[in-house]
Amino acid sequence: MRMGRIEFAVAVLASALVTVTGLYLGLTKAGTEAGTFGWVIAVVGGAAFIANLVLRTRLR
């Protein structure tokens, strides 16, 4: 089943928002548990962003 344009846009937007939120927490709350959590969700969001882009190019 192919992913439509709207689904793809929502997936990319959601993963980008997770990445940005994680970067914000990681950079502004450095040295705290919130900062560590921020870096973790930034990595997860970045991986999801890259995965969405790679899958989109392969499913065309």
Protein backbone atom coordinates (compact mmCIF):
# COMPACT_ATOMS: atom_id res chain seq x y z
CA MET A 1 0.00 0.00 0.00
CA ARG A 2 1.41 3.35 -1.00
CA MET A 3 1.70 6.29 1.34
CA GLY A 4 -0.22 9.33 0.12
CA ARG A 5 1.08 12.86 0.08
CA ILE A 6 -0.86 13.96 3.15
CA GLU A 7 0.26 10.94 5.20
CA PHE A 8 3.85 11.51 4.14
CA ALA A 9 3.70 15.22 5.01
CA VAL A 10 2.20 14.48 8.43
CA ALA A 11 4.85 11.82 9.16
CA VAL A 12 7.71 14.11 8.16
CA LEU A 13 6.25 17.06 10.07
CA ALA A 14 5.71 14.98 13.22
CA SER A 15 9.24 13.57 13.18
CA ALA A 16 10.68 17.03 12.53
CA LEU A 17 8.73 18.47 15.46
CA VAL A 18 9.95 15.68 17.74
CA THR A 19 13.53 16.36 16.62
CA VAL A 20 13.25 20.11 17.18
CA THR A 21 11.63 19.62 20.59
CA GLY A 22 14.39 17.22 21.59
CA LEU A 23 17.09 19.62 20.43
CA TYR A 24 15.46 22.45 22.36
CA LEU A 25 15.33 20.42 25.56
CA GLY A 26 18.84 19.07 25.05
CA LEU A 27 20.36 22.50 24.51
CA THR A 28 18.44 24.51 27.09
CA LYS A 29 18.30 21.96 29.92
CA ALA A 30 21.91 20.74 29.71
CA GLY A 31 23.10 18.64 32.61
CA THR A 32 19.63 17.65 33.79
CA GLU A 33 17.41 14.63 33.22
CA ALA A 34 15.23 16.74 30.91
CA GLY A 35 18.31 17.54 28.82
CA THR A 36 19.23 13.88 28.53
CA PHE A 37 15.67 13.02 27.58
CA GLY A 38 15.78 15.81 25.01
CA TRP A 39 18.84 14.35 23.32
CA VAL A 40 17.24 10.90 23.27
CA ILE A 41 14.06 12.12 21.60
CA ALA A 42 16.11 14.26 19.20
CA VAL A 43 17.96 11.15 18.03
CA VAL A 44 14.74 9.14 17.76
CA GLY A 45 13.02 11.96 15.87
CA GLY A 46 15.98 12.37 13.54
CA ALA A 47 16.04 8.64 12.81
CA ALA A 48 12.31 8.69 12.09
CA PHE A 49 12.77 11.71 9.80
CA ILE A 50 15.52 9.97 7.82
CA ALA A 51 13.52 6.73 7.70
CA ASN A 52 10.49 8.58 6.32
CA LEU A 53 12.56 10.17 3.58
CA VAL A 54 14.30 6.92 2.65
CA LEU A 55 11.07 4.94 2.61
CA ARG A 56 9.37 7.59 0.50
CA THR A 57 12.06 7.36 -2.19
CA ARG A 58 11.91 3.55 -2.22
CA LEU A 59 8.12 3.36 -2.39
CA ARG A 60 7.78 5.54 -5.48
